Protein backbone atom coordinates (compact mmCIF):
# COMPACT_ATOMS: atom_id res chain seq x y z
CA MET A 1 9.20 14.05 -10.82
CA TYR A 2 9.02 10.79 -12.74
CA PHE A 3 6.33 8.18 -12.68
CA SER A 4 4.86 5.45 -14.82
CA ILE A 5 1.31 5.01 -15.96
CA GLY A 6 -0.08 1.71 -17.13
CA ASP A 7 -3.34 0.52 -18.61
CA ALA A 8 -4.82 -2.91 -17.97
CA ASP A 9 -7.90 -4.45 -19.59
CA CYS A 10 -9.41 -6.48 -16.75
CA THR A 11 -11.81 -8.23 -19.11
CA ALA A 12 -8.98 -9.69 -21.20
CA ASP A 13 -5.34 -10.57 -20.58
CA ALA A 14 -5.05 -8.61 -17.31
CA LYS A 15 -7.62 -10.51 -15.21
CA GLU A 16 -4.97 -11.91 -12.87
CA LEU A 17 -3.34 -8.50 -12.46
CA CYS A 18 -6.70 -6.89 -11.67
CA GLU A 19 -7.49 -9.56 -9.07
CA LYS A 20 -4.10 -9.09 -7.43
CA PHE A 21 -4.65 -5.35 -7.07
CA GLU A 22 -8.32 -5.69 -6.10
CA VAL A 23 -9.75 -3.75 -9.04
CA ARG A 24 -13.54 -3.83 -8.61
CA GLY A 25 -14.83 -1.20 -11.00
CA TYR A 26 -13.83 0.52 -14.20
CA PRO A 27 -12.10 2.80 -14.71
CA THR A 28 -9.95 2.38 -11.59
CA ILE A 29 -6.80 4.37 -10.90
CA LYS A 30 -4.31 2.91 -8.44
CA TYR A 31 -1.12 4.54 -7.21
CA PHE A 32 1.89 3.00 -5.56
CA VAL A 33 4.43 4.78 -3.40
CA ASP A 34 8.13 3.93 -3.30
CA GLY A 35 8.00 0.47 -4.73
CA ASP A 36 5.14 -0.71 -2.54
CA THR A 37 3.59 -3.36 -4.77
CA THR A 38 1.06 -4.88 -2.39
CA THR A 39 -2.39 -3.61 -3.44
CA GLY A 40 -1.76 0.07 -4.04
CA GLU A 41 -4.07 2.88 -3.02
CA ASP A 42 -7.22 3.88 -4.87
CA TYR A 43 -7.17 7.34 -6.42
CA ASN A 44 -10.56 9.00 -6.06
CA GLY A 45 -9.85 12.53 -7.27
CA GLY A 46 -10.65 14.29 -10.50
CA ARG A 47 -9.63 12.69 -13.78
CA ASP A 48 -8.59 15.87 -15.59
CA TYR A 49 -4.93 16.84 -16.03
CA ASP A 50 -4.94 19.62 -13.42
CA SER A 51 -6.47 17.38 -10.74
CA LEU A 52 -4.06 14.52 -11.45
CA LYS A 53 -1.07 16.87 -11.46
CA ALA A 54 -2.12 18.53 -8.19
CA PHE A 55 -2.52 15.11 -6.57
CA ALA A 56 0.91 13.98 -7.79
CA VAL A 57 2.61 17.13 -6.52
CA GLU A 58 0.85 17.07 -3.15
CA LYS A 59 0.92 13.35 -2.37
CA LEU A 60 3.62 11.71 -4.49
CA GLU A 61 6.35 14.28 -5.03
CA VAL A 62 9.40 13.88 -2.80
CA LYS A 63 10.00 17.26 -1.21
CA CYS A 64 12.78 16.53 1.29
CA ASP A 65 16.26 16.76 -0.23
CA ILE A 66 19.24 15.99 2.01
CA GLU A 67 21.40 18.47 0.09
CA ASN A 68 18.87 21.29 0.51
CA PRO A 69 16.63 20.44 3.47
CA ALA A 70 14.54 23.64 3.31
CA GLU A 71 11.47 21.60 2.29
CA CYS A 72 12.09 18.91 4.93
CA SER A 73 10.04 18.71 8.11
CA ASP A 74 11.78 19.17 11.46
CA LYS A 75 11.42 15.43 12.00
CA GLU A 76 13.16 14.69 8.68
CA LYS A 77 15.91 17.25 9.39
CA GLY A 78 16.57 15.63 12.77
CA TYR A 79 16.74 12.18 11.20
CA ILE A 80 19.13 13.40 8.49
CA GLU A 81 21.49 14.88 11.07
CA LYS A 82 21.30 11.78 13.25
CA MET A 83 22.05 9.45 10.33
CA LYS A 84 24.87 11.65 8.97
CA GLU A 85 26.72 10.99 12.24
CA LYS A 86 26.42 7.21 11.82
CA SER A 87 28.87 5.03 9.95
CA ALA A 88 28.05 3.67 6.50
CA ALA A 89 27.63 0.21 8.04
CA ASP A 90 25.17 1.53 10.63
CA ARG A 91 23.14 3.34 7.95
CA LYS A 92 23.10 0.19 5.80
CA LYS A 93 21.91 -1.89 8.77
CA GLN A 94 19.11 0.63 9.44
CA LEU A 95 18.14 0.69 5.74
CA ASP A 96 17.98 -3.11 5.60
CA ARG A 97 15.79 -3.15 8.73
CA LEU A 98 13.38 -0.59 7.31
CA GLU A 99 13.23 -2.31 3.91
CA ALA A 100 12.28 -5.56 5.66
CA MET A 101 9.41 -3.76 7.40
CA LYS A 102 8.13 -1.97 4.28
CA ASP A 103 5.63 -4.60 3.15
CA GLY A 104 4.20 -5.15 6.62
CA LYS A 105 0.86 -3.82 7.76
CA MET A 106 0.94 -0.52 9.63
CA LYS A 107 -0.99 2.70 9.99
CA PRO A 108 -0.63 5.03 6.97
CA GLU A 109 1.25 7.70 8.93
CA LEU A 110 3.77 5.12 10.18
CA LYS A 111 4.18 3.76 6.65
CA GLN A 112 4.80 7.29 5.37
CA TRP A 113 7.50 7.92 8.00
CA LEU A 114 9.10 4.55 7.22
CA VAL A 115 9.23 5.45 3.50
CA GLN A 116 10.64 8.89 4.30
CA ARG A 117 13.46 7.32 6.34
CA ILE A 118 14.23 4.88 3.52
CA ARG A 119 14.46 7.81 1.07
CA ILE A 120 16.77 9.71 3.42
CA LEU A 121 19.04 6.72 4.02
CA THR A 122 19.19 5.94 0.30
CA ALA A 123 20.05 9.57 -0.51
CA LEU A 124 22.75 9.65 2.19
CA ALA A 125 24.27 6.44 0.84
CA LYS A 126 24.35 7.80 -2.71
CA ALA A 127 25.80 11.12 -1.57
CA SER A 128 28.53 9.33 0.39
CA GLY A 129 29.23 6.75 -2.31
CA ASP A 130 28.21 3.92 0.04
CA GLU A 131 27.08 0.57 -1.30
CA LEU A 132 23.37 -0.06 -0.93
């Protein structure tokens, strides 16, 4: 698992950044999933290494792998099989549609399923050598 961590001083050069991401108190930890750069989600768990690692593994780690779907949910497995049967052009069209919806407002569980489908389609494209 790879991720980036940044530090911003909201009292100095990062005021605009902090306003954009609605930072109200200090210290604030925000996390972003799959390139979602709207406002991010507030992290409210423990600040020690073990708590942060457990959160990352539980909430941020991608567990569904199209090559080894043992960790995938039944819903993800069904979507993988359905999309494997489609042409590269059909998968690209679906990926473009989902990407266009990604920044829209929706319930968290719908957003999570949208992101999961984007991951699956991206992985299928890479595995097939399709252009993204």
